[in-house]
N, C-alpha and C. Protein backbone atom coordinates (compact mmCIF):
# COMPACT_ATOMS: atom_id res chain seq x y z
N MET A 1 72.61 91.91 57.08
CA MET A 1 72.77 91.50 55.75
C MET A 1 74.13 91.23 55.41
N VAL A 2 74.44 89.93 54.96
CA VAL A 2 75.69 89.42 54.57
C VAL A 2 75.89 89.77 52.91
N PRO A 3 76.95 90.52 52.62
CA PRO A 3 77.08 90.68 51.09
C PRO A 3 77.42 89.44 50.34
N GLU A 4 76.92 89.42 49.19
CA GLU A 4 77.14 88.17 48.31
C GLU A 4 77.84 88.69 47.10
N PHE A 5 78.86 87.89 46.73
CA PHE A 5 79.68 88.10 45.56
C PHE A 5 79.35 87.27 44.32
N ASN A 6 79.78 87.84 43.16
CA ASN A 6 79.43 86.98 41.99
C ASN A 6 80.60 85.93 41.79
N THR A 7 80.65 85.00 42.73
CA THR A 7 81.72 83.84 42.68
C THR A 7 80.83 82.65 42.92
N PRO A 8 81.44 81.47 42.66
CA PRO A 8 80.66 80.22 42.89
C PRO A 8 80.29 80.05 44.31
N SER A 9 81.12 80.41 45.29
CA SER A 9 80.69 80.38 46.65
C SER A 9 79.84 81.43 47.16
N GLY A 10 79.69 82.54 46.48
CA GLY A 10 79.07 83.83 46.95
C GLY A 10 79.95 84.56 47.89
N LYS A 11 81.12 84.14 48.07
CA LYS A 11 82.11 84.95 48.96
C LYS A 11 83.26 85.38 48.29
N ILE A 12 84.07 86.25 48.81
CA ILE A 12 85.31 86.51 48.35
C ILE A 12 86.20 85.36 48.22
N GLU A 13 86.84 85.15 47.07
CA GLU A 13 87.54 83.97 46.88
C GLU A 13 89.03 84.27 46.48
N PHE A 14 90.00 83.80 47.33
CA PHE A 14 91.38 83.95 47.01
C PHE A 14 91.82 82.93 46.00
N TYR A 15 91.19 81.86 45.78
CA TYR A 15 91.42 80.76 44.80
C TYR A 15 90.29 80.85 43.69
N SER A 16 90.59 81.19 42.56
CA SER A 16 89.56 81.42 41.57
C SER A 16 89.37 80.12 40.67
N THR A 17 88.30 79.43 40.76
CA THR A 17 88.11 78.27 39.97
C THR A 17 87.87 78.76 38.51
N HIS A 18 87.28 79.92 38.31
CA HIS A 18 87.09 80.42 37.02
C HIS A 18 88.32 80.55 36.32
N LEU A 19 89.36 81.17 37.00
CA LEU A 19 90.67 81.37 36.34
C LEU A 19 91.22 80.07 35.99
N ALA A 20 91.38 79.18 37.04
CA ALA A 20 91.81 77.85 36.89
C ALA A 20 91.37 77.10 35.62
N GLU A 21 89.95 77.20 35.46
CA GLU A 21 89.30 76.47 34.28
C GLU A 21 89.75 77.17 32.98
N LYS A 22 90.22 78.28 32.94
CA LYS A 22 90.54 78.92 31.71
C LYS A 22 92.06 78.86 31.53
N GLY A 23 92.87 78.11 32.40
CA GLY A 23 94.22 77.94 32.33
C GLY A 23 95.16 79.02 32.84
N TYR A 24 94.64 79.94 33.64
CA TYR A 24 95.29 80.97 34.32
C TYR A 24 95.58 80.57 35.77
N ASP A 25 96.61 81.14 36.31
CA ASP A 25 96.87 80.82 37.83
C ASP A 25 95.62 81.28 38.72
N PRO A 26 95.25 80.34 39.41
CA PRO A 26 93.98 80.59 40.32
C PRO A 26 94.21 81.48 41.40
N ILE A 27 95.51 81.70 41.73
CA ILE A 27 95.96 82.46 42.87
C ILE A 27 97.03 83.54 42.26
N PRO A 28 96.68 84.80 42.34
CA PRO A 28 97.73 85.66 41.69
C PRO A 28 99.15 85.46 42.28
N LYS A 29 100.04 85.45 41.40
CA LYS A 29 101.43 85.34 41.69
C LYS A 29 102.12 86.62 41.46
N TYR A 30 103.13 86.95 42.30
CA TYR A 30 103.91 88.28 42.18
C TYR A 30 104.76 87.95 40.97
N THR A 31 104.74 89.00 40.18
CA THR A 31 105.67 89.19 39.00
C THR A 31 106.71 90.30 39.15
N LYS A 32 107.91 90.01 39.29
CA LYS A 32 108.90 91.05 39.52
C LYS A 32 108.98 91.93 38.26
N HIS A 33 108.97 93.29 38.53
CA HIS A 33 109.04 94.19 37.41
C HIS A 33 110.50 94.39 37.09
N GLU A 34 110.73 94.78 35.78
CA GLU A 34 112.05 95.04 35.39
C GLU A 34 112.71 96.29 36.07
N ASP A 35 113.90 96.14 36.49
CA ASP A 35 114.65 97.17 37.21
C ASP A 35 115.11 98.19 36.21
N PRO A 36 115.29 99.33 36.56
CA PRO A 36 115.87 100.52 35.59
C PRO A 36 117.31 100.03 35.27
N PRO A 37 117.73 100.21 34.00
CA PRO A 37 119.19 100.06 33.56
C PRO A 37 120.09 101.08 34.46
N PRO A 38 121.40 100.82 34.66
CA PRO A 38 122.31 101.64 35.51
C PRO A 38 122.15 103.03 34.74
N GLY A 39 122.00 104.06 35.66
CA GLY A 39 121.80 105.40 35.25
C GLY A 39 120.49 105.83 34.87
N TYR A 40 119.59 104.98 35.04
CA TYR A 40 118.14 105.40 34.60
C TYR A 40 117.17 105.22 35.79
N PHE A 41 116.23 105.83 35.77
CA PHE A 41 115.13 105.95 36.92
C PHE A 41 113.74 105.48 36.20
N ARG A 42 112.95 104.73 37.06
CA ARG A 42 111.50 104.38 36.60
C ARG A 42 110.76 105.72 36.50
N LEU A 43 110.09 106.06 35.57
CA LEU A 43 109.25 107.35 35.26
C LEU A 43 107.92 107.03 35.93
N LEU A 44 107.57 107.74 36.98
CA LEU A 44 106.23 107.75 37.61
C LEU A 44 105.57 109.11 37.34
N PHE A 45 104.20 108.97 37.13
CA PHE A 45 103.52 110.24 36.79
C PHE A 45 102.16 110.19 37.46
N GLY A 46 101.58 111.28 37.65
CA GLY A 46 100.13 111.39 38.34
C GLY A 46 99.62 112.77 37.97
N ARG A 47 98.50 112.89 38.81
CA ARG A 47 97.74 114.22 38.67
C ARG A 47 98.08 115.21 39.83
N ALA A 48 97.65 116.43 39.62
CA ALA A 48 97.70 117.42 40.68
C ALA A 48 96.25 117.82 40.95
N PRO A 49 95.98 118.14 42.32
CA PRO A 49 94.60 118.47 42.57
C PRO A 49 93.97 119.63 41.81
N MET A 50 94.82 120.53 41.47
CA MET A 50 94.35 121.78 40.84
C MET A 50 94.06 121.59 39.23
N HIS A 51 94.66 120.64 38.75
CA HIS A 51 94.54 120.37 37.29
C HIS A 51 93.85 119.08 36.99
N SER A 52 92.98 119.09 36.06
CA SER A 52 92.36 117.87 35.64
C SER A 52 92.80 117.58 34.18
N PHE A 53 93.44 116.58 33.99
CA PHE A 53 94.08 116.26 32.65
C PHE A 53 94.92 117.40 32.11
N SER A 54 95.03 117.60 30.93
CA SER A 54 95.84 118.84 30.44
C SER A 54 94.92 119.93 30.07
N ARG A 55 93.63 119.81 30.10
CA ARG A 55 92.73 120.96 29.80
C ARG A 55 92.81 122.21 30.65
N THR A 56 93.24 122.07 31.86
CA THR A 56 93.12 123.25 32.83
C THR A 56 94.40 124.02 32.81
N GLN A 57 95.39 123.74 31.91
CA GLN A 57 96.50 124.49 31.89
C GLN A 57 96.36 125.87 31.14
N THR A 58 95.13 125.92 30.64
CA THR A 58 94.82 127.32 29.94
C THR A 58 93.98 128.19 30.85
N ASN A 59 93.65 127.58 32.01
CA ASN A 59 92.98 128.50 33.00
C ASN A 59 94.03 129.26 33.92
N ARG A 60 93.96 130.60 33.73
CA ARG A 60 94.84 131.52 34.39
C ARG A 60 94.90 131.33 35.92
N ASP A 61 93.65 131.15 36.56
CA ASP A 61 93.57 131.15 37.93
C ASP A 61 94.28 129.70 38.42
N LEU A 62 94.12 128.67 37.73
CA LEU A 62 94.76 127.43 38.08
C LEU A 62 96.10 127.42 37.86
N MET A 63 96.56 128.04 36.71
CA MET A 63 98.00 128.23 36.39
C MET A 63 98.81 129.02 37.44
N ASN A 64 97.98 129.98 38.14
CA ASN A 64 98.62 130.78 39.15
C ASN A 64 98.98 129.82 40.32
N VAL A 65 98.23 128.73 40.50
CA VAL A 65 98.51 127.88 41.63
C VAL A 65 99.57 126.92 41.27
N MET A 66 99.56 126.33 39.96
CA MET A 66 100.66 125.39 39.56
C MET A 66 100.85 125.74 38.04
N SER A 67 101.94 126.51 37.73
CA SER A 67 102.22 126.90 36.41
C SER A 67 102.96 125.94 35.60
N GLU A 68 103.73 125.08 36.08
CA GLU A 68 104.47 124.06 35.48
C GLU A 68 104.79 122.95 36.35
N ASN A 69 105.04 121.79 35.65
CA ASN A 69 105.23 120.54 36.58
C ASN A 69 106.86 120.58 36.97
N GLU A 70 107.07 119.65 37.86
CA GLU A 70 108.60 119.52 38.42
C GLU A 70 108.88 118.05 38.31
N ILE A 71 110.05 117.84 38.11
CA ILE A 71 110.52 116.38 38.20
C ILE A 71 111.05 116.09 39.76
N TRP A 72 110.31 115.24 40.36
CA TRP A 72 110.81 114.89 41.78
C TRP A 72 112.05 113.88 41.66
N ILE A 73 113.07 114.26 42.30
CA ILE A 73 114.32 113.48 42.35
C ILE A 73 114.69 113.28 43.75
N ASN A 74 114.96 112.04 44.14
CA ASN A 74 115.48 111.80 45.48
C ASN A 74 116.71 112.75 45.81
N ALA A 75 116.65 113.34 46.98
CA ALA A 75 117.64 114.45 47.39
C ALA A 75 119.15 113.82 47.24
N ASP A 76 119.27 112.62 47.65
CA ASP A 76 120.65 111.98 47.54
C ASP A 76 121.17 111.88 46.12
N ILE A 77 120.13 111.50 45.29
CA ILE A 77 120.56 111.34 43.81
C ILE A 77 120.68 112.78 43.16
N ALA A 78 119.90 113.66 43.60
CA ALA A 78 120.14 114.96 43.06
C ALA A 78 121.48 115.64 43.45
N GLN A 79 121.88 115.37 44.74
CA GLN A 79 123.15 115.83 45.19
C GLN A 79 124.32 115.16 44.48
N ARG A 80 124.07 113.82 44.13
CA ARG A 80 125.11 113.12 43.41
C ARG A 80 125.23 113.62 41.94
N TYR A 81 124.14 114.20 41.46
CA TYR A 81 124.30 114.78 39.96
C TYR A 81 124.60 116.21 40.12
N GLY A 82 124.66 116.79 41.23
CA GLY A 82 124.96 118.29 41.40
C GLY A 82 123.71 119.04 41.05
N LEU A 83 122.63 118.49 41.34
CA LEU A 83 121.26 119.32 41.00
C LEU A 83 120.80 119.88 42.23
N LYS A 84 120.04 121.04 42.21
CA LYS A 84 119.39 121.60 43.37
C LYS A 84 117.99 121.84 42.84
N SER A 85 117.11 121.96 43.77
CA SER A 85 115.65 122.32 43.45
C SER A 85 115.65 123.70 42.69
N GLY A 86 114.90 123.68 41.67
CA GLY A 86 114.83 124.89 40.79
C GLY A 86 115.72 124.86 39.63
N THR A 87 116.59 123.94 39.45
CA THR A 87 117.57 123.75 38.30
C THR A 87 116.74 123.05 37.28
N TYR A 88 116.97 123.43 35.89
CA TYR A 88 116.23 122.86 34.81
C TYR A 88 117.14 121.74 34.22
N ILE A 89 116.39 120.64 33.85
CA ILE A 89 117.12 119.56 33.23
C ILE A 89 116.17 119.08 31.98
N LYS A 90 116.61 118.03 31.23
CA LYS A 90 115.77 117.35 30.22
C LYS A 90 115.88 115.89 30.74
N LEU A 91 114.99 115.14 30.37
CA LEU A 91 114.84 113.69 30.35
C LEU A 91 114.99 113.00 29.20
N LYS A 92 115.62 111.94 29.12
CA LYS A 92 115.69 110.97 27.95
C LYS A 92 115.33 109.76 28.33
N ASN A 93 114.32 109.11 27.60
CA ASN A 93 113.91 107.79 27.87
C ASN A 93 114.73 106.54 27.23
N GLN A 94 114.36 105.48 27.59
CA GLN A 94 115.06 104.20 27.21
C GLN A 94 115.10 104.17 25.63
N ASP A 95 114.19 104.82 25.04
CA ASP A 95 114.12 104.82 23.42
C ASP A 95 114.74 106.04 22.72
N GLY A 96 115.41 106.87 23.55
CA GLY A 96 116.12 107.98 23.00
C GLY A 96 115.29 109.30 23.03
N LYS A 97 113.98 109.18 23.37
CA LYS A 97 113.01 110.45 23.23
C LYS A 97 113.41 111.38 24.35
N VAL A 98 113.63 112.71 24.01
CA VAL A 98 114.06 113.64 24.96
C VAL A 98 113.07 114.61 25.22
N SER A 99 112.81 114.98 26.63
CA SER A 99 111.62 115.86 26.91
C SER A 99 112.07 117.34 26.76
N SER A 100 111.15 118.29 26.94
CA SER A 100 111.42 119.51 27.00
C SER A 100 112.01 119.88 28.36
N ARG A 101 112.41 121.04 28.68
CA ARG A 101 112.95 121.31 30.07
C ARG A 101 111.89 121.19 31.17
N ILE A 102 112.50 120.83 32.37
CA ILE A 102 111.58 120.53 33.48
C ILE A 102 112.39 120.90 34.78
N LYS A 103 111.85 121.56 35.60
CA LYS A 103 112.46 121.98 36.86
C LYS A 103 112.62 120.81 37.91
N VAL A 104 113.72 120.72 38.52
CA VAL A 104 114.00 119.75 39.48
C VAL A 104 113.42 120.06 40.90
N LYS A 105 112.84 119.13 41.52
CA LYS A 105 112.45 119.28 42.96
C LYS A 105 113.16 118.05 43.66
N ALA A 106 114.19 118.45 44.39
CA ALA A 106 114.95 117.50 45.12
C ALA A 106 114.14 117.13 46.40
N THR A 107 113.84 115.99 46.67
CA THR A 107 113.08 115.64 47.83
C THR A 107 113.39 114.21 48.43
N GLU A 108 113.09 114.09 49.79
CA GLU A 108 113.25 112.75 50.40
C GLU A 108 111.97 111.94 50.17
N ARG A 109 110.97 112.39 49.41
CA ARG A 109 109.62 111.73 49.29
C ARG A 109 109.51 110.95 48.13
N ILE A 110 110.77 110.48 47.64
CA ILE A 110 110.69 109.53 46.41
C ILE A 110 111.92 108.59 46.49
N ARG A 111 111.76 107.41 46.02
CA ARG A 111 112.75 106.35 46.11
C ARG A 111 113.86 106.87 45.24
N THR A 112 115.05 106.14 45.50
CA THR A 112 116.28 106.49 44.76
C THR A 112 116.21 106.06 43.26
N ASP A 113 115.40 104.98 42.94
CA ASP A 113 115.36 104.47 41.73
C ASP A 113 114.13 104.99 40.77
N CYS A 114 113.46 105.97 41.16
CA CYS A 114 112.30 106.62 40.46
C CYS A 114 112.42 107.96 40.50
N VAL A 115 111.65 108.59 39.32
CA VAL A 115 111.39 110.00 39.40
C VAL A 115 109.99 110.19 39.18
N TYR A 116 109.39 111.35 39.41
CA TYR A 116 107.93 111.46 39.41
C TYR A 116 107.67 112.93 38.91
N MET A 117 106.62 113.08 37.91
CA MET A 117 106.20 114.28 37.38
C MET A 117 104.62 114.28 37.31
N VAL A 118 104.14 115.47 37.39
CA VAL A 118 102.60 115.65 37.21
C VAL A 118 102.32 115.70 35.67
N HIS A 119 101.31 114.86 35.35
CA HIS A 119 100.87 114.78 33.99
C HIS A 119 100.17 116.11 33.51
N GLY A 120 100.23 116.29 32.21
CA GLY A 120 99.39 117.30 31.53
C GLY A 120 100.19 118.57 31.19
N PHE A 121 101.41 118.72 31.37
CA PHE A 121 102.23 119.78 31.02
C PHE A 121 103.17 119.57 29.66
N GLY A 122 103.88 120.49 29.35
CA GLY A 122 104.85 120.33 28.13
C GLY A 122 104.06 120.71 26.75
N HIS A 123 103.06 121.44 26.75
CA HIS A 123 102.33 121.76 25.56
C HIS A 123 103.32 122.60 24.69
N ASN A 124 103.26 122.16 23.34
CA ASN A 124 104.18 122.81 22.46
C ASN A 124 103.33 123.60 21.28
N SER A 125 102.00 123.91 21.61
CA SER A 125 101.32 124.67 20.71
C SER A 125 101.35 126.18 21.20
N ARG A 126 101.73 127.08 20.24
CA ARG A 126 101.77 128.53 20.65
C ARG A 126 100.34 129.05 20.79
N MET A 127 99.36 128.44 20.32
CA MET A 127 97.88 128.95 20.65
C MET A 127 97.62 128.75 22.07
N LEU A 128 98.31 127.92 22.93
CA LEU A 128 98.06 127.74 24.33
C LEU A 128 99.00 128.80 24.95
N LYS A 129 98.68 130.02 24.91
CA LYS A 129 99.58 131.05 25.46
C LYS A 129 99.96 130.90 26.87
N GLY A 130 99.09 130.61 27.74
CA GLY A 130 99.53 130.40 29.18
C GLY A 130 100.27 129.19 29.49
N ALA A 131 100.04 128.06 28.67
CA ALA A 131 100.63 126.73 28.99
C ALA A 131 101.80 126.49 28.01
N TYR A 132 102.12 127.26 27.04
CA TYR A 132 103.13 126.98 26.01
C TYR A 132 104.47 126.80 26.71
N MET A 133 104.97 125.58 26.50
CA MET A 133 106.37 125.20 26.90
C MET A 133 106.57 125.32 28.41
N LYS A 134 105.51 125.12 29.17
CA LYS A 134 105.61 125.04 30.68
C LYS A 134 105.75 123.63 31.10
N GLY A 135 106.89 123.25 31.64
CA GLY A 135 107.14 122.01 32.10
C GLY A 135 107.39 120.99 30.95
N ALA A 136 107.39 119.75 31.34
CA ALA A 136 107.59 118.67 30.32
C ALA A 136 106.56 117.79 30.31
N SER A 137 106.25 116.98 29.13
CA SER A 137 105.20 116.18 28.93
C SER A 137 105.68 114.61 29.26
N ASP A 138 105.01 114.09 30.14
CA ASP A 138 105.26 112.70 30.48
C ASP A 138 104.84 111.86 29.36
N SER A 139 103.80 112.21 28.54
CA SER A 139 103.16 111.30 27.54
C SER A 139 104.19 111.24 26.46
N GLU A 140 105.08 112.16 26.10
CA GLU A 140 106.13 111.98 25.14
C GLU A 140 107.11 110.93 25.52
N LEU A 141 107.22 110.77 26.75
CA LEU A 141 108.36 109.88 27.37
C LEU A 141 107.78 108.42 27.55
N ILE A 142 106.54 108.18 27.32
CA ILE A 142 105.88 106.98 27.42
C ILE A 142 105.86 106.34 26.22
N THR A 143 106.89 105.53 25.82
CA THR A 143 106.94 105.00 24.43
C THR A 143 106.70 103.34 24.60
N LYS A 144 106.66 102.87 25.76
CA LYS A 144 106.23 101.47 25.86
C LYS A 144 105.39 101.13 26.99
N TYR A 145 104.69 100.06 26.94
CA TYR A 145 103.71 99.71 27.89
C TYR A 145 103.57 98.20 27.99
N ASN A 146 102.99 97.68 29.06
CA ASN A 146 102.70 96.32 29.18
C ASN A 146 101.29 96.09 29.21
N ILE A 147 100.68 95.00 28.75
CA ILE A 147 99.26 94.80 28.87
C ILE A 147 99.04 93.49 29.63
N ASP A 148 98.10 93.69 30.64
CA ASP A 148 97.79 92.60 31.49
C ASP A 148 97.01 91.47 30.67
N PRO A 149 97.44 90.33 30.66
CA PRO A 149 96.80 89.37 29.80
C PRO A 149 95.24 88.89 30.21
N LEU A 150 95.00 89.11 31.50
CA LEU A 150 93.78 88.78 32.01
C LEU A 150 92.67 89.79 31.81
N MET A 151 92.99 91.09 32.19
CA MET A 151 91.94 92.13 32.04
C MET A 151 92.22 93.18 31.05
N GLY A 152 93.39 93.18 30.41
CA GLY A 152 93.67 94.03 29.24
C GLY A 152 94.12 95.42 29.75
N GLY A 153 94.35 95.76 30.93
CA GLY A 153 94.76 97.00 31.39
C GLY A 153 96.19 97.32 31.06
N THR A 154 96.50 98.45 30.72
CA THR A 154 97.94 98.87 30.37
C THR A 154 98.75 99.36 31.53
N GLY A 155 99.99 98.85 31.63
CA GLY A 155 100.92 99.41 32.69
C GLY A 155 101.89 100.31 32.00
N MET A 156 101.95 101.61 32.33
CA MET A 156 102.82 102.43 31.71
C MET A 156 104.13 102.88 32.43
N ASN A 157 104.11 102.38 33.77
CA ASN A 157 105.15 102.75 34.62
C ASN A 157 106.43 101.70 34.31
N VAL A 158 106.51 101.47 33.08
CA VAL A 158 107.63 100.49 32.66
C VAL A 158 108.64 101.22 31.75
N ASN A 159 108.51 102.65 31.85
CA ASN A 159 109.45 103.46 31.12
C ASN A 159 110.57 104.02 32.08
N PHE A 160 111.75 104.07 31.48
CA PHE A 160 112.89 104.56 32.29
C PHE A 160 113.41 105.92 31.68
N VAL A 161 113.89 106.73 32.45
CA VAL A 161 114.62 107.94 31.99
C VAL A 161 115.85 108.08 32.62
N THR A 162 116.77 108.95 31.86
CA THR A 162 118.03 109.34 32.44
C THR A 162 117.96 110.92 32.38
N ILE A 163 118.89 111.45 33.17
CA ILE A 163 118.96 112.97 33.32
C ILE A 163 119.86 113.51 32.28
N GLU A 164 119.36 114.53 31.55
CA GLU A 164 120.18 115.28 30.59
C GLU A 164 120.37 116.68 31.18
N MET A 165 121.66 117.08 31.27
CA MET A 165 121.81 118.41 31.82
C MET A 165 121.39 119.51 30.71
N GLU A 166 121.01 120.60 31.11
CA GLU A 166 120.62 121.64 30.19
C GLU A 166 122.05 122.31 29.79
N ALA A 167 122.02 122.63 28.48
CA ALA A 167 123.26 123.18 27.95
C ALA A 167 123.46 124.76 28.12
């Protein structure tokens, strides 16, 4: 059985006549993303397998596995800033928004122009006793986004942060 696709030819098409008819590029073109300004890093974020969204930070068993998020920083960059794993810093985004404190994880597993943190931390409600002020919130640092003109999806990895040393 040969699979059939919802295209004029019934096959996978690299050239889309549908897009061409609507005035869009029929073949996707690479668009270079904005580079971080000097002294800034692209903010990347994601999930951890033990936490789903931010709701599980109130589950004591899961918090025992991961109680706060860390900011992954390339080891060479961390050394340049005089940071070691376990040191606390704050992040400031391109619009001046400053995070709560977050623990550094110096690692070779990230590019030199990016930092990474797990989503769902940095709660500031005292009602969340086990999660209150644990780590930092990536959501607070995401103050801009791009919208794809074809499908309407949002790109949020267009935010940049710089390192603020803890006083």
